[in-house]
Amino acid sequence: MKTIAQQLNVTAFPLIIKNADGSQIYGEDSDGYWWKSERDSNGSQIYGENSDGFWWRCESDANGKEIYHENSNGVIRDKRPKPVELTLEQIAAKLGINIGQLKIKD
């Protein structure tokens, strides 16, 4: 499979492709090594891969802080908030009331 530079007959390197926001989304060197990345609507990188077969994906919170990361080396870091599941008995105990006093509204 030909690289983008090979397809376009590019001879000046490095080849850099940017998106409409000016962020680099593809790069290629004269030896055929390439990398690419994807960004979300906030401009945060969410995926990347290179010609060596390495890839990674991540997720950021509303403040741009990485909360999830995984890559092709098997690394997974998951700091996403987990839902809290409690029984009615546990809720009553945390509130310090008898479960008979607990009413759930729609």
PDB file of N, CA and C in Angstrom:
ATOM      1  N   MET A   1       0.835  -1.176   0.000  1.00  0.00           N
ATOM      2  CA  MET A   1       0.000   0.000   0.000  1.00  0.00           C
ATOM      3  C   MET A   1       0.883   1.244   0.000  1.00  0.00           C
ATOM      4  N   LYS A   2       0.573   2.174  -0.869  1.00  0.00           N
ATOM      5  CA  LYS A   2       1.365   3.388  -0.971  1.00  0.00           C
ATOM      6  C   LYS A   2       0.991   4.377   0.126  1.00  0.00           C
ATOM      7  N   THR A   3       1.992   5.122   0.588  1.00  0.00           N
ATOM      8  CA  THR A   3       1.730   6.183   1.551  1.00  0.00           C
ATOM      9  C   THR A   3       1.113   7.363   0.809  1.00  0.00           C
ATOM     10  N   ILE A   4       0.624   8.333   1.549  1.00  0.00           N
ATOM     11  CA  ILE A   4       0.039   9.524   0.921  1.00  0.00           C
ATOM     12  C   ILE A   4       1.083  10.254   0.086  1.00  0.00           C
ATOM     13  N   ALA A   5       2.296  10.385   0.603  1.00  0.00           N
ATOM     14  CA  ALA A   5       3.360  11.066  -0.143  1.00  0.00           C
ATOM     15  C   ALA A   5       3.658  10.337  -1.452  1.00  0.00           C
ATOM     16  N   GLN A   6       3.670   9.019  -1.398  1.00  0.00           N
ATOM     17  CA  GLN A   6       3.920   8.248  -2.613  1.00  0.00           C
ATOM     18  C   GLN A   6       2.778   8.426  -3.619  1.00  0.00           C
ATOM     19  N   GLN A   7       1.551   8.453  -3.126  1.00  0.00           N
ATOM     20  CA  GLN A   7       0.399   8.636  -4.008  1.00  0.00           C
ATOM     21  C   GLN A   7       0.411  10.007  -4.676  1.00  0.00           C
ATOM     22  N   LEU A   8       0.888  11.010  -3.938  1.00  0.00           N
ATOM     23  CA  LEU A   8       0.911  12.381  -4.458  1.00  0.00           C
ATOM     24  C   LEU A   8       2.240  12.753  -5.112  1.00  0.00           C
ATOM     25  N   ASN A   9       3.187  11.812  -5.145  1.00  0.00           N
ATOM     26  CA  ASN A   9       4.527  12.055  -5.696  1.00  0.00           C
ATOM     27  C   ASN A   9       5.245  13.212  -4.993  1.00  0.00           C
ATOM     28  N   VAL A  10       5.078  13.277  -3.676  1.00  0.00           N
ATOM     29  CA  VAL A  10       5.731  14.311  -2.867  1.00  0.00           C
ATOM     30  C   VAL A  10       7.204  13.951  -2.710  1.00  0.00           C
ATOM     31  N   THR A  11       8.083  14.936  -2.861  1.00  0.00           N
ATOM     32  CA  THR A  11       9.519  14.693  -2.697  1.00  0.00           C
ATOM     33  C   THR A  11      10.141  15.592  -1.629  1.00  0.00           C
ATOM     34  N   ALA A  12       9.383  16.572  -1.116  1.00  0.00           N
ATOM     35  CA  ALA A  12       9.873  17.454  -0.054  1.00  0.00           C
ATOM     36  C   ALA A  12       9.276  16.993   1.273  1.00  0.00           C
ATOM     37  N   PHE A  13      10.143  16.692   2.220  1.00  0.00           N
ATOM     38  CA  PHE A  13       9.693  16.158   3.512  1.00  0.00           C
ATOM     39  C   PHE A  13      10.174  17.026   4.654  1.00  0.00           C
ATOM     40  N   PRO A  14       9.503  16.982   5.801  1.00  0.00           N
ATOM     41  CA  PRO A  14       8.370  16.117   6.089  1.00  0.00           C
ATOM     42  C   PRO A  14       7.088  16.635   5.428  1.00  0.00           C
ATOM     43  N   LEU A  15       6.183  15.711   5.114  1.00  0.00           N
ATOM     44  CA  LEU A  15       4.854  16.056   4.625  1.00  0.00           C
ATOM     45  C   LEU A  15       3.968  16.199   5.848  1.00  0.00           C
ATOM     46  N   ILE A  16       3.330  17.336   6.002  1.00  0.00           N
ATOM     47  CA  ILE A  16       2.427  17.582   7.129  1.00  0.00           C
ATOM     48  C   ILE A  16       1.071  17.988   6.564  1.00  0.00           C
ATOM     49  N   ILE A  17       0.012  17.357   7.040  1.00  0.00           N
ATOM     50  CA  ILE A  17      -1.353  17.718   6.657  1.00  0.00           C
ATOM     51  C   ILE A  17      -2.048  18.208   7.918  1.00  0.00           C
ATOM     52  N   LYS A  18      -2.725  19.348   7.798  1.00  0.00           N
ATOM     53  CA  LYS A  18      -3.438  19.941   8.932  1.00  0.00           C
ATOM     54  C   LYS A  18      -4.931  20.001   8.631  1.00  0.00           C
ATOM     55  N   ASN A  19      -5.732  20.009   9.687  1.00  0.00           N
ATOM     56  CA  ASN A  19      -7.172  20.164   9.503  1.00  0.00           C
ATOM     57  C   ASN A  19      -7.517  21.650   9.402  1.00  0.00           C
ATOM     58  N   ALA A  20      -8.795  21.958   9.312  1.00  0.00           N
ATOM     59  CA  ALA A  20      -9.242  23.340   9.146  1.00  0.00           C
ATOM     60  C   ALA A  20      -8.850  24.221  10.333  1.00  0.00           C
ATOM     61  N   ASP A  21      -8.656  23.624  11.509  1.00  0.00           N
ATOM     62  CA  ASP A  21      -8.267  24.376  12.705  1.00  0.00           C
ATOM     63  C   ASP A  21      -6.763  24.593  12.796  1.00  0.00           C
ATOM     64  N   GLY A  22      -6.007  24.021  11.863  1.00  0.00           N
ATOM     65  CA  GLY A  22      -4.554  24.169  11.875  1.00  0.00           C
ATOM     66  C   GLY A  22      -3.819  23.111  12.669  1.00  0.00           C
ATOM     67  N   SER A  23      -4.547  22.103  13.169  1.00  0.00           N
ATOM     68  CA  SER A  23      -3.914  21.023  13.928  1.00  0.00           C
ATOM     69  C   SER A  23      -3.382  19.963  12.973  1.00  0.00           C
ATOM     70  N   GLN A  24      -2.182  19.462  13.252  1.00  0.00           N
ATOM     71  CA  GLN A  24      -1.603  18.415  12.423  1.00  0.00           C
ATOM     72  C   GLN A  24      -2.389  17.117  12.609  1.00  0.00           C
ATOM     73  N   ILE A  25      -2.819  16.538  11.483  1.00  0.00           N
ATOM     74  CA  ILE A  25      -3.570  15.289  11.551  1.00  0.00           C
ATOM     75  C   ILE A  25      -2.862  14.159  10.812  1.00  0.00           C
ATOM     76  N   TYR A  26      -1.798  14.497  10.045  1.00  0.00           N
ATOM     77  CA  TYR A  26      -1.024  13.485   9.337  1.00  0.00           C
ATOM     78  C   TYR A  26       0.377  14.011   9.121  1.00  0.00           C
ATOM     79  N   GLY A  27       1.339  13.115   9.252  1.00  0.00           N
ATOM     80  CA  GLY A  27       2.719  13.471   8.976  1.00  0.00           C
ATOM     81  C   GLY A  27       3.450  12.287   8.369  1.00  0.00           C
ATOM     82  N   GLU A  28       4.416  12.597   7.522  1.00  0.00           N
ATOM     83  CA  GLU A  28       5.180  11.528   6.882  1.00  0.00           C
ATOM     84  C   GLU A  28       6.609  11.999   6.652  1.00  0.00           C
ATOM     85  N   ASP A  29       7.560  11.088   6.880  1.00  0.00           N
ATOM     86  CA  ASP A  29       8.977  11.359   6.653  1.00  0.00           C
ATOM     87  C   ASP A  29       9.422  10.745   5.331  1.00  0.00           C
ATOM     88  N   SER A  30      10.615  11.101   4.901  1.00  0.00           N
ATOM     89  CA  SER A  30      11.145  10.617   3.624  1.00  0.00           C
ATOM     90  C   SER A  30      11.381   9.109   3.605  1.00  0.00           C
ATOM     91  N   ASP A  31      11.510   8.490   4.787  1.00  0.00           N
ATOM     92  CA  ASP A  31      11.733   7.043   4.829  1.00  0.00           C
ATOM     93  C   ASP A  31      10.430   6.242   4.814  1.00  0.00           C
ATOM     94  N   GLY A  32       9.276   6.927   4.673  1.00  0.00           N
ATOM     95  CA  GLY A  32       7.987   6.256   4.614  1.00  0.00           C
ATOM     96  C   GLY A  32       7.271   6.135   5.942  1.00  0.00           C
ATOM     97  N   TYR A  33       7.950   6.546   7.037  1.00  0.00           N
ATOM     98  CA  TYR A  33       7.287   6.512   8.344  1.00  0.00           C
ATOM     99  C   TYR A  33       6.175   7.551   8.344  1.00  0.00           C
ATOM    100  N   TRP A  34       4.985   7.164   8.799  1.00  0.00           N
ATOM    101  CA  TRP A  34       3.869   8.089   8.861  1.00  0.00           C
ATOM    102  C   TRP A  34       3.144   7.962  10.195  1.00  0.00           C
ATOM    103  N   TRP A  35       2.379   8.990  10.519  1.00  0.00           N
ATOM    104  CA  TRP A  35       1.516   8.989  11.697  1.00  0.00           C
ATOM    105  C   TRP A  35       0.265   9.786  11.363  1.00  0.00           C
ATOM    106  N   LYS A  36      -0.820   9.450  12.018  1.00  0.00           N
ATOM    107  CA  LYS A  36      -2.039  10.228  11.849  1.00  0.00           C
ATOM    108  C   LYS A  36      -2.781  10.278  13.170  1.00  0.00           C
ATOM    109  N   SER A  37      -3.623  11.301  13.316  1.00  0.00           N
ATOM    110  CA  SER A  37      -4.407  11.438  14.536  1.00  0.00           C
ATOM    111  C   SER A  37      -5.768  12.023  14.204  1.00  0.00           C
ATOM    112  N   GLU A  38      -6.701  11.779  15.108  1.00  0.00           N
ATOM    113  CA  GLU A  38      -8.052  12.326  14.993  1.00  0.00           C
ATOM    114  C   GLU A  38      -8.331  13.154  16.232  1.00  0.00           C
ATOM    115  N   ARG A  39      -9.158  14.174  16.061  1.00  0.00           N
ATOM    116  CA  ARG A  39      -9.524  15.061  17.167  1.00  0.00           C
ATOM    117  C   ARG A  39     -11.035  15.129  17.306  1.00  0.00           C
ATOM    118  N   ASP A  40     -11.494  15.406  18.529  1.00  0.00           N
ATOM    119  CA  ASP A  40     -12.929  15.579  18.734  1.00  0.00           C
ATOM    120  C   ASP A  40     -13.318  17.026  18.442  1.00  0.00           C
ATOM    121  N   SER A  41     -14.574  17.368  18.666  1.00  0.00           N
ATOM    122  CA  SER A  41     -15.069  18.709  18.346  1.00  0.00           C
ATOM    123  C   SER A  41     -14.427  19.791  19.207  1.00  0.00           C
ATOM    124  N   ASN A  42     -13.812  19.404  20.331  1.00  0.00           N
ATOM    125  CA  ASN A  42     -13.115  20.368  21.195  1.00  0.00           C
ATOM    126  C   ASN A  42     -11.639  20.504  20.837  1.00  0.00           C
ATOM    127  N   GLY A  43     -11.178  19.739  19.856  1.00  0.00           N
ATOM    128  CA  GLY A  43      -9.782  19.803  19.440  1.00  0.00           C
ATOM    129  C   GLY A  43      -8.865  18.852  20.186  1.00  0.00           C
ATOM    130  N   SER A  44      -9.416  18.053  21.103  1.00  0.00           N
ATOM    131  CA  SER A  44      -8.601  17.089  21.850  1.00  0.00           C
ATOM    132  C   SER A  44      -8.338  15.865  20.984  1.00  0.00           C
ATOM    133  N   GLN A  45      -7.108  15.360  21.034  1.00  0.00           N
ATOM    134  CA  GLN A  45      -6.790  14.150  20.285  1.00  0.00           C
ATOM    135  C   GLN A  45      -7.544  12.969  20.890  1.00  0.00           C
ATOM    136  N   ILE A  46      -8.166  12.172  20.022  1.00  0.00           N
ATOM    137  CA  ILE A  46      -8.928  11.020  20.489  1.00  0.00           C
ATOM    138  C   ILE A  46      -8.416   9.702  19.915  1.00  0.00           C
ATOM    139  N   TYR A  47      -7.590   9.780  18.861  1.00  0.00           N
ATOM    140  CA  TYR A  47      -7.072   8.557  18.245  1.00  0.00           C
ATOM    141  C   TYR A  47      -5.788   8.878  17.502  1.00  0.00           C
ATOM    142  N   GLY A  48      -4.883   7.923  17.485  1.00  0.00           N
ATOM    143  CA  GLY A  48      -3.670   8.078  16.708  1.00  0.00           C
ATOM    144  C   GLY A  48      -3.104   6.722  16.337  1.00  0.00           C
ATOM    145  N   GLU A  49      -2.389   6.696  15.238  1.00  0.00           N
ATOM    146  CA  GLU A  49      -1.695   5.469  14.839  1.00  0.00           C
ATOM    147  C   GLU A  49      -0.502   5.841  13.979  1.00  0.00           C
ATOM    148  N   ASN A  50       0.414   4.877  13.811  1.00  0.00           N
ATOM    149  CA  ASN A  50       1.580   5.135  12.965  1.00  0.00           C
ATOM    150  C   ASN A  50       1.911   3.909  12.118  1.00  0.00           C
ATOM    151  N   SER A  51       2.876   4.070  11.245  1.00  0.00           N
ATOM    152  CA  SER A  51       3.225   3.013  10.307  1.00  0.00           C
ATOM    153  C   SER A  51       3.912   1.814  10.968  1.00  0.00           C
ATOM    154  N   ASP A  52       4.293   1.942  12.225  1.00  0.00           N
ATOM    155  CA  ASP A  52       4.850   0.798  12.954  1.00  0.00           C
ATOM    156  C   ASP A  52       3.755  -0.121  13.496  1.00  0.00           C
ATOM    157  N   GLY A  53       2.495   0.284  13.338  1.00  0.00           N
ATOM    158  CA  GLY A  53       1.377  -0.507  13.840  1.00  0.00           C
ATOM    159  C   GLY A  53       0.912  -0.102  15.221  1.00  0.00           C
ATOM    160  N   PHE A  54       1.567   0.896  15.817  1.00  0.00           N
ATOM    161  CA  PHE A  54       1.155   1.357  17.148  1.00  0.00           C
ATOM    162  C   PHE A  54      -0.078   2.237  17.005  1.00  0.00           C
ATOM    163  N   TRP A  55      -1.054   2.060  17.890  1.00  0.00           N
ATOM    164  CA  TRP A  55      -2.234   2.916  17.910  1.00  0.00           C
ATOM    165  C   TRP A  55      -2.595   3.238  19.352  1.00  0.00           C
ATOM    166  N   TRP A  56      -3.364   4.294  19.529  1.00  0.00           N
ATOM    167  CA  TRP A  56      -3.867   4.667  20.844  1.00  0.00           C
ATOM    168  C   TRP A  56      -5.192   5.390  20.671  1.00  0.00           C
ATOM    169  N   ARG A  57      -6.004   5.347  21.689  1.00  0.00           N
ATOM    170  CA  ARG A  57      -7.248   6.118  21.713  1.00  0.00           C
ATOM    171  C   ARG A  57      -7.458   6.645  23.118  1.00  0.00           C
ATOM    172  N   CYS A  58      -8.083   7.792  23.213  1.00  0.00           N
ATOM    173  CA  CYS A  58      -8.322   8.363  24.533  1.00  0.00           C
ATOM    174  C   CYS A  58      -9.599   9.186  24.522  1.00  0.00           C
ATOM    175  N   GLU A  59      -9.999   9.540  25.730  1.00  0.00           N
ATOM    176  CA  GLU A  59     -11.201  10.336  25.947  1.00  0.00           C
ATOM    177  C   GLU A  59     -10.864  11.378  27.000  1.00  0.00           C
ATOM    178  N   SER A  60     -11.390  12.589  26.826  1.00  0.00           N
ATOM    179  CA  SER A  60     -11.149  13.672  27.783  1.00  0.00           C
ATOM    180  C   SER A  60     -12.468  14.143  28.364  1.00  0.00           C
ATOM    181  N   ASP A  61     -12.391  14.725  29.561  1.00  0.00           N
ATOM    182  CA  ASP A  61     -13.598  15.290  30.159  1.00  0.00           C
ATOM    183  C   ASP A  61     -13.850  16.687  29.585  1.00  0.00           C
ATOM    184  N   ALA A  62     -14.862  17.369  30.091  1.00  0.00           N
ATOM    185  CA  ALA A  62     -15.243  18.691  29.584  1.00  0.00           C
ATOM    186  C   ALA A  62     -14.136  19.728  29.768  1.00  0.00           C
ATOM    187  N   ASN A  63     -13.207  19.492  30.700  1.00  0.00           N
ATOM    188  CA  ASN A  63     -12.100  20.415  30.947  1.00  0.00           C
ATOM    189  C   ASN A  63     -10.852  20.055  30.139  1.00  0.00           C
ATOM    190  N   GLY A  64     -10.950  19.037  29.302  1.00  0.00           N
ATOM    191  CA  GLY A  64      -9.809  18.633  28.491  1.00  0.00           C
ATOM    192  C   GLY A  64      -8.842  17.692  29.189  1.00  0.00           C
ATOM    193  N   LYS A  65      -9.181  17.244  30.402  1.00  0.00           N
ATOM    194  CA  LYS A  65      -8.320  16.316  31.136  1.00  0.00           C
ATOM    195  C   LYS A  65      -8.591  14.884  30.671  1.00  0.00           C
ATOM    196  N   GLU A  66      -7.510  14.156  30.363  1.00  0.00           N
ATOM    197  CA  GLU A  66      -7.659  12.784  29.889  1.00  0.00           C
ATOM    198  C   GLU A  66      -8.236  11.905  30.986  1.00  0.00           C
ATOM    199  N   ILE A  67      -9.335  11.206  30.656  1.00  0.00           N
ATOM    200  CA  ILE A  67      -9.969  10.314  31.628  1.00  0.00           C
ATOM    201  C   ILE A  67      -9.948   8.855  31.174  1.00  0.00           C
ATOM    202  N   TYR A  68      -9.543   8.608  29.914  1.00  0.00           N
ATOM    203  CA  TYR A  68      -9.438   7.235  29.422  1.00  0.00           C
ATOM    204  C   TYR A  68      -8.327   7.179  28.389  1.00  0.00           C
ATOM    205  N   HIS A  69      -7.529   6.116  28.442  1.00  0.00           N
ATOM    206  CA  HIS A  69      -6.449   5.915  27.468  1.00  0.00           C
ATOM    207  C   HIS A  69      -6.225   4.425  27.303  1.00  0.00           C
ATOM    208  N   GLU A  70      -6.095   4.003  26.062  1.00  0.00           N
ATOM    209  CA  GLU A  70      -5.674   2.629  25.779  1.00  0.00           C
ATOM    210  C   GLU A  70      -4.789   2.647  24.553  1.00  0.00           C
ATOM    211  N   ASN A  71      -3.895   1.648  24.453  1.00  0.00           N
ATOM    212  CA  ASN A  71      -3.039   1.582  23.269  1.00  0.00           C
ATOM    213  C   ASN A  71      -2.771   0.132  22.879  1.00  0.00           C
ATOM    214  N   SER A  72      -2.120  -0.023  21.732  1.00  0.00           N
ATOM    215  CA  SER A  72      -1.885  -1.354  21.175  1.00  0.00           C
ATOM    216  C   SER A  72      -0.863  -2.162  21.963  1.00  0.00           C
ATOM    217  N   ASN A  73      -0.203  -1.562  22.928  1.00  0.00           N
ATOM    218  CA  ASN A  73       0.709  -2.305  23.810  1.00  0.00           C
ATOM    219  C   ASN A  73      -0.022  -2.934  24.990  1.00  0.00           C
ATOM    220  N   GLY A  74      -1.341  -2.742  25.042  1.00  0.00           N
ATOM    221  CA  GLY A  74      -2.139  -3.325  26.119  1.00  0.00           C
ATOM    222  C   GLY A  74      -2.321  -2.425  27.324  1.00  0.00           C
ATOM    223  N   VAL A  75      -1.831  -1.181  27.251  1.00  0.00           N
ATOM    224  CA  VAL A  75      -1.990  -0.245  28.362  1.00  0.00           C
ATOM    225  C   VAL A  75      -3.421   0.303  28.360  1.00  0.00           C
ATOM    226  N   ILE A  76      -4.080   0.239  29.504  1.00  0.00           N
ATOM    227  CA  ILE A  76      -5.415   0.831  29.662  1.00  0.00           C
ATOM    228  C   ILE A  76      -5.423   1.600  30.974  1.00  0.00           C
ATOM    229  N   ARG A  77      -5.766   2.885  30.882  1.00  0.00           N
ATOM    230  CA  ARG A  77      -5.953   3.728  32.071  1.00  0.00           C
ATOM    231  C   ARG A  77      -7.367   4.281  31.996  1.00  0.00           C
ATOM    232  N   ASP A  78      -8.197   3.908  32.950  1.00  0.00           N
ATOM    233  CA  ASP A  78      -9.596   4.313  32.929  1.00  0.00           C
ATOM    234  C   ASP A  78      -9.923   5.111  34.187  1.00  0.00           C
ATOM    235  N   LYS A  79     -10.062   6.415  34.026  1.00  0.00           N
ATOM    236  CA  LYS A  79     -10.398   7.300  35.145  1.00  0.00           C
ATOM    237  C   LYS A  79     -11.778   7.914  34.937  1.00  0.00           C
ATOM    238  N   ARG A  80     -12.589   7.285  34.067  1.00  0.00           N
ATOM    239  CA  ARG A  80     -13.942   7.787  33.828  1.00  0.00           C
ATOM    240  C   ARG A  80     -14.780   7.595  35.083  1.00  0.00           C
ATOM    241  N   PRO A  81     -15.686   8.535  35.367  1.00  0.00           N
ATOM    242  CA  PRO A  81     -16.547   8.384  36.543  1.00  0.00           C
ATOM    243  C   PRO A  81     -17.427   7.139  36.414  1.00  0.00           C
ATOM    244  N   LYS A  82     -17.545   6.418  37.494  1.00  0.00           N
ATOM    245  CA  LYS A  82     -18.363   5.205  37.508  1.00  0.00           C
ATOM    246  C   LYS A  82     -19.718   5.528  38.133  1.00  0.00           C
ATOM    247  N   PRO A  83     -20.799   4.953  37.601  1.00  0.00           N
ATOM    248  CA  PRO A  83     -22.110   5.196  38.208  1.00  0.00           C
ATOM    249  C   PRO A  83     -22.176   4.590  39.613  1.00  0.00           C
ATOM    250  N   VAL A  84     -22.892   5.259  40.476  1.00  0.00           N
ATOM    251  CA  VAL A  84     -23.068   4.765  41.846  1.00  0.00           C
ATOM    252  C   VAL A  84     -24.387   4.011  41.904  1.00  0.00           C
ATOM    253  N   GLU A  85     -24.332   2.768  42.341  1.00  0.00           N
ATOM    254  CA  GLU A  85     -25.531   1.953  42.487  1.00  0.00           C
ATOM    255  C   GLU A  85     -25.716   1.624  43.956  1.00  0.00           C
ATOM    256  N   LEU A  86     -26.878   1.998  44.479  1.00  0.00           N
ATOM    257  CA  LEU A  86     -27.194   1.727  45.876  1.00  0.00           C
ATOM    258  C   LEU A  86     -28.588   1.126  45.973  1.00  0.00           C
ATOM    259  N   THR A  87     -28.781   0.255  46.937  1.00  0.00           N
ATOM    260  CA  THR A  87     -30.122  -0.261  47.222  1.00  0.00           C
ATOM    261  C   THR A  87     -30.853   0.773  48.075  1.00  0.00           C
ATOM    262  N   LEU A  88     -32.162   0.619  48.174  1.00  0.00           N
ATOM    263  CA  LEU A  88     -32.934   1.515  49.033  1.00  0.00           C
ATOM    264  C   LEU A  88     -32.464   1.409  50.476  1.00  0.00           C
ATOM    265  N   GLU A  89     -32.093   0.224  50.897  1.00  0.00           N
ATOM    266  CA  GLU A  89     -31.606   0.021  52.261  1.00  0.00           C
ATOM    267  C   GLU A  89     -30.306   0.806  52.493  1.00  0.00           C
ATOM    268  N   GLN A  90     -29.421   0.795  51.496  1.00  0.00           N
ATOM    269  CA  GLN A  90     -28.157   1.525  51.615  1.00  0.00           C
ATOM    270  C   GLN A  90     -28.394   3.035  51.649  1.00  0.00           C
ATOM    271  N   ILE A  91     -29.338   3.516  50.855  1.00  0.00           N
ATOM    272  CA  ILE A  91     -29.652   4.954  50.850  1.00  0.00           C
ATOM    273  C   ILE A  91     -30.211   5.358  52.208  1.00  0.00           C
ATOM    274  N   ALA A  92     -31.147   4.574  52.734  1.00  0.00           N
ATOM    275  CA  ALA A  92     -31.736   4.879  54.041  1.00  0.00           C
ATOM    276  C   ALA A  92     -30.657   4.892  55.123  1.00  0.00           C
ATOM    277  N   ALA A  93     -29.746   3.933  55.073  1.00  0.00           N
ATOM    278  CA  ALA A  93     -28.669   3.871  56.068  1.00  0.00           C
ATOM    279  C   ALA A  93     -27.769   5.099  55.967  1.00  0.00           C
ATOM    280  N   LYS A  94     -27.451   5.529  54.756  1.00  0.00           N
ATOM    281  CA  LYS A  94     -26.598   6.715  54.591  1.00  0.00           C
ATOM    282  C   LYS A  94     -27.291   7.979  55.096  1.00  0.00           C
ATOM    283  N   LEU A  95     -28.613   8.013  54.962  1.00  0.00           N
ATOM    284  CA  LEU A  95     -29.370   9.171  55.444  1.00  0.00           C
ATOM    285  C   LEU A  95     -29.694   9.066  56.931  1.00  0.00           C
ATOM    286  N   GLY A  96     -29.459   7.900  57.492  1.00  0.00           N
ATOM    287  CA  GLY A  96     -29.720   7.696  58.920  1.00  0.00           C
ATOM    288  C   GLY A  96     -31.201   7.638  59.234  1.00  0.00           C
ATOM    289  N   ILE A  97     -31.986   7.106  58.305  1.00  0.00           N
ATOM    290  CA  ILE A  97     -33.426   7.001  58.528  1.00  0.00           C
ATOM    291  C   ILE A  97     -33.878   5.567  58.321  1.00  0.00           C
ATOM    292  N   ASN A  98     -35.089   5.278  58.806  1.00  0.00           N
ATOM    293  CA  ASN A  98     -35.699   3.981  58.599  1.00  0.00           C
ATOM    294  C   ASN A  98     -36.154   3.916  57.139  1.00  0.00           C
ATOM    295  N   ILE A  99     -36.016   2.755  56.526  1.00  0.00           N
ATOM    296  CA  ILE A  99     -36.376   2.636  55.119  1.00  0.00           C
ATOM    297  C   ILE A  99     -37.857   2.966  54.874  1.00  0.00           C
ATOM    298  N   GLY A 100     -38.693   2.788  55.898  1.00  0.00           N
ATOM    299  CA  GLY A 100     -40.106   3.136  55.764  1.00  0.00           C
ATOM    300  C   GLY A 100     -40.324   4.630  55.568  1.00  0.00           C
ATOM    301  N   GLN A 101     -39.350   5.452  55.973  1.00  0.00           N
ATOM    302  CA  GLN A 101     -39.457   6.917  55.802  1.00  0.00           C
ATOM    303  C   GLN A 101     -38.996   7.367  54.425  1.00  0.00           C
ATOM    304  N   LEU A 102     -38.409   6.467  53.670  1.00  0.00           N
ATOM    305  CA  LEU A 102     -37.835   6.819  52.370  1.00  0.00           C
ATOM    306  C   LEU A 102     -38.910   6.765  51.296  1.00  0.00           C
ATOM    307  N   LYS A 103     -39.099   7.866  50.615  1.00  0.00           N
ATOM    308  CA  LYS A 103     -40.043   7.944  49.503  1.00  0.00           C
ATOM    309  C   LYS A 103     -39.293   8.390  48.263  1.00  0.00           C
ATOM    310  N   ILE A 104     -39.560   7.740  47.140  1.00  0.00           N
ATOM    311  CA  ILE A 104     -38.919   8.064  45.869  1.00  0.00           C
ATOM    312  C   ILE A 104     -39.940   8.767  44.980  1.00  0.00           C
ATOM    313  N   LYS A 105     -39.590   9.962  44.500  1.00  0.00           N
ATOM    314  CA  LYS A 105     -40.473  10.703  43.594  1.00  0.00           C
ATOM    315  C   LYS A 105     -40.101  10.405  42.162  1.00  0.00           C
ATOM    316  N   ASP A 106     -41.080  10.530  41.292  1.00  0.00           N
ATOM    317  CA  ASP A 106     -40.807  10.396  39.846  1.00  0.00           C
ATOM    318  C   ASP A 106     -40.094  11.609  39.344  1.00  0.00           C
TER     319      ASP A 106
END
